[in-house]
Protein backbone atom coordinates (compact mmCIF):
# COMPACT_ATOMS: atom_id res chain seq x y z
CA MET A 1 -14.74 -81.78 -15.85
CA PRO A 2 -18.39 -80.68 -15.99
CA MET A 3 -20.33 -80.14 -12.80
CA THR A 4 -22.93 -82.73 -11.89
CA GLY A 5 -25.45 -82.71 -9.06
CA ARG A 6 -25.30 -79.82 -6.65
CA PRO A 7 -22.16 -77.78 -7.35
CA THR A 8 -19.78 -77.36 -4.43
CA VAL A 9 -18.88 -73.75 -3.64
CA LEU A 10 -16.19 -72.60 -1.24
CA PHE A 11 -16.59 -69.06 0.15
CA VAL A 12 -13.30 -67.66 1.44
CA CYS A 13 -12.52 -64.55 3.48
CA PRO A 14 -9.27 -63.76 5.31
CA ASP A 15 -10.13 -65.40 8.66
CA ASN A 16 -13.39 -67.36 8.13
CA ALA A 17 -14.76 -65.64 11.22
CA GLY A 18 -17.54 -63.60 9.59
CA THR A 19 -18.26 -62.93 5.93
CA SER A 20 -17.46 -66.35 4.48
CA LEU A 21 -19.36 -68.05 7.30
CA MET A 22 -22.30 -65.76 6.56
CA ALA A 23 -22.16 -66.78 2.89
CA GLU A 24 -22.08 -70.46 3.84
CA ALA A 25 -25.06 -70.07 6.21
CA ILE A 26 -27.11 -68.06 3.69
CA ALA A 27 -26.40 -70.59 0.93
CA LEU A 28 -27.26 -73.54 3.18
CA HIS A 29 -30.49 -71.86 4.23
CA GLY A 30 -31.83 -70.39 1.00
CA HIS A 31 -29.89 -71.70 -1.98
CA ARG A 32 -30.58 -75.42 -2.06
CA GLY A 33 -29.00 -75.78 -5.50
CA LEU A 34 -25.55 -75.29 -3.98
CA ARG A 35 -23.39 -77.35 -1.65
CA PRO A 36 -21.59 -74.55 0.26
CA PHE A 37 -18.53 -74.50 2.48
CA SER A 38 -16.40 -71.69 3.88
CA ALA A 39 -12.77 -71.28 4.87
CA ALA A 40 -10.02 -68.83 5.82
CA ALA A 41 -7.54 -67.68 3.20
CA LEU A 42 -5.13 -66.82 6.01
CA VAL A 43 -5.31 -67.90 9.66
CA PRO A 44 -8.76 -68.95 10.92
CA GLY A 45 -10.18 -66.71 13.62
CA ALA A 46 -12.83 -67.15 16.27
CA VAL A 47 -16.39 -67.08 14.93
CA ASP A 48 -17.70 -63.53 15.39
CA PRO A 49 -20.56 -63.46 17.94
CA ALA A 50 -22.02 -60.46 16.08
CA LEU A 51 -22.38 -62.68 13.01
CA ILE A 52 -24.21 -65.34 15.02
CA ASP A 53 -26.53 -62.66 16.46
CA CYS A 54 -27.26 -61.35 12.96
CA LEU A 55 -27.96 -64.79 11.49
CA GLU A 56 -30.21 -65.76 14.39
CA ALA A 57 -32.14 -62.47 14.10
CA ALA A 58 -32.71 -63.23 10.40
CA ARG A 59 -33.74 -66.82 11.25
CA VAL A 60 -30.80 -68.24 9.32
CA PRO A 61 -29.44 -71.29 11.16
CA ALA A 62 -25.92 -70.74 12.47
CA ASP A 63 -25.36 -74.12 14.13
CA GLY A 64 -22.32 -76.04 12.93
CA LEU A 65 -20.46 -73.02 11.56
CA SER A 66 -16.75 -73.16 12.33
CA ALA A 67 -13.61 -71.43 11.10
CA LYS A 68 -11.12 -73.55 9.17
CA PRO A 69 -8.18 -72.95 6.81
CA ALA A 70 -8.71 -73.19 3.03
CA GLY A 71 -5.88 -75.70 2.86
CA VAL A 72 -8.13 -78.46 4.22
CA PHE A 73 -9.93 -78.44 0.87
CA SER A 74 -6.75 -79.53 -0.92
CA LEU A 75 -6.37 -82.63 1.30
CA SER A 76 -7.25 -86.15 0.25
CA GLY A 77 -10.90 -86.89 0.97
CA ALA A 78 -11.97 -83.23 0.87
CA PRO A 79 -15.03 -82.35 -1.22
CA ARG A 80 -14.28 -81.64 -4.88
CA LEU A 81 -14.78 -77.91 -5.35
CA ASP A 82 -16.53 -76.52 -8.41
CA VAL A 83 -16.29 -72.81 -7.58
CA VAL A 84 -14.22 -70.83 -5.10
CA VAL A 85 -15.41 -67.32 -4.23
CA ALA A 86 -12.88 -64.93 -2.72
CA LEU A 87 -14.73 -62.40 -0.57
CA GLY A 88 -12.51 -59.33 -0.73
CA ALA A 89 -9.09 -58.43 -2.09
CA GLN A 90 -7.12 -59.80 0.87
CA ALA A 91 -8.70 -63.25 0.44
CA TRP A 92 -8.09 -63.15 -3.32
CA ARG A 93 -4.39 -62.34 -2.88
CA ALA A 94 -3.95 -65.14 -0.34
CA LEU A 95 -5.89 -67.68 -2.42
CA ARG A 96 -3.67 -67.15 -5.43
CA ARG A 97 -0.89 -68.77 -3.37
CA GLN A 98 -2.92 -71.92 -2.56
CA THR A 99 -1.95 -75.13 -4.32
CA PHE A 100 -5.49 -76.01 -5.45
CA ILE A 101 -5.93 -72.70 -7.29
CA GLY A 102 -5.18 -73.90 -10.84
CA LEU A 103 -7.83 -76.59 -10.82
CA LEU A 104 -10.95 -74.53 -10.13
CA ARG A 105 -13.20 -71.76 -11.30
CA PHE A 106 -12.63 -68.66 -9.19
CA GLU A 107 -14.70 -65.59 -8.57
CA PHE A 108 -13.75 -62.41 -6.78
CA TRP A 109 -16.49 -60.47 -5.00
CA GLN A 110 -15.58 -57.06 -3.65
CA LEU A 111 -17.80 -56.65 -0.60
CA PRO A 112 -17.62 -54.22 2.30
CA GLU A 113 -15.57 -55.68 5.10
CA VAL A 114 -16.83 -56.00 8.65
CA ALA A 115 -14.05 -54.50 10.75
CA PRO A 116 -13.15 -56.85 13.62
CA GLY A 117 -11.95 -53.91 15.72
CA GLU A 118 -15.40 -52.30 15.78
CA GLY A 119 -17.75 -52.80 18.69
CA LEU A 120 -20.32 -55.60 18.80
CA ALA A 121 -23.26 -53.33 17.87
CA ALA A 122 -21.37 -51.84 14.90
CA ARG A 123 -20.46 -55.32 13.62
CA ARG A 124 -24.07 -56.50 13.98
CA THR A 125 -25.20 -53.51 11.90
CA ALA A 126 -22.49 -54.17 9.30
CA TYR A 127 -23.55 -57.82 8.95
CA ARG A 128 -27.23 -56.86 8.69
CA THR A 129 -26.35 -54.36 5.95
CA LEU A 130 -24.21 -56.91 4.11
CA MET A 131 -26.68 -59.81 4.30
CA PRO A 132 -29.06 -58.84 1.43
CA ASP A 133 -26.16 -58.01 -0.91
CA LEU A 134 -24.47 -61.31 -0.13
CA ASP A 135 -27.73 -63.24 -0.54
CA GLY A 136 -28.29 -61.58 -3.93
CA ALA A 137 -24.75 -62.36 -5.08
CA ILE A 138 -25.17 -66.00 -4.05
CA GLY A 139 -28.46 -66.17 -5.96
CA ARG A 140 -26.79 -64.80 -9.09
CA LEU A 141 -23.96 -67.32 -8.68
CA GLU A 142 -26.49 -70.13 -8.39
CA GLU A 143 -28.19 -68.92 -11.60
CA ARG A 144 -24.87 -68.71 -13.51
CA ILE A 145 -23.93 -72.21 -12.42
CA ALA A 146 -27.35 -73.59 -13.41
CA LEU A 147 -27.01 -71.99 -16.86
CA ARG A 148 -23.50 -73.40 -17.29
CA MET A 149 -24.71 -76.87 -16.28
CA ALA A 150 -27.69 -76.67 -18.66
CA ARG A 151 -25.40 -75.66 -21.55
CA ALA A 152 -23.00 -78.49 -20.74
CA ALA A 153 -25.87 -81.00 -20.70
CA ALA A 154 -27.28 -79.78 -24.04
């Protein structure tokens, strides 16, 4: 089924406590052509306060971000997903076991992981370092989707 309107993208990391939430926030803030969500491939964790600090410092709104399992997107009434992006190998391995996997377009992005065991300052630095790479990857995804939609409409 071809995508219409704003494509819905689900960003997934192992616990939806950091990287996937960052992707959702960046996409909501600066990539208006996408309808982004995020989720945990495994068990949702607590939202990382270092992530919130990093987003606020970059003036990217962090309100409303919450960790949730990827399985909620296979429930009745969930948004129809156009693209699922696995952020890291652990998320990719876990997603391959999800029931909704065969119905979607998947991407795997190998990004540096922010180690939850590090101190707050180290995690803030890791998120700040990751942010421009993640923003660029989201921009390229948005461009690829727009091209695909234009070809489908032609």
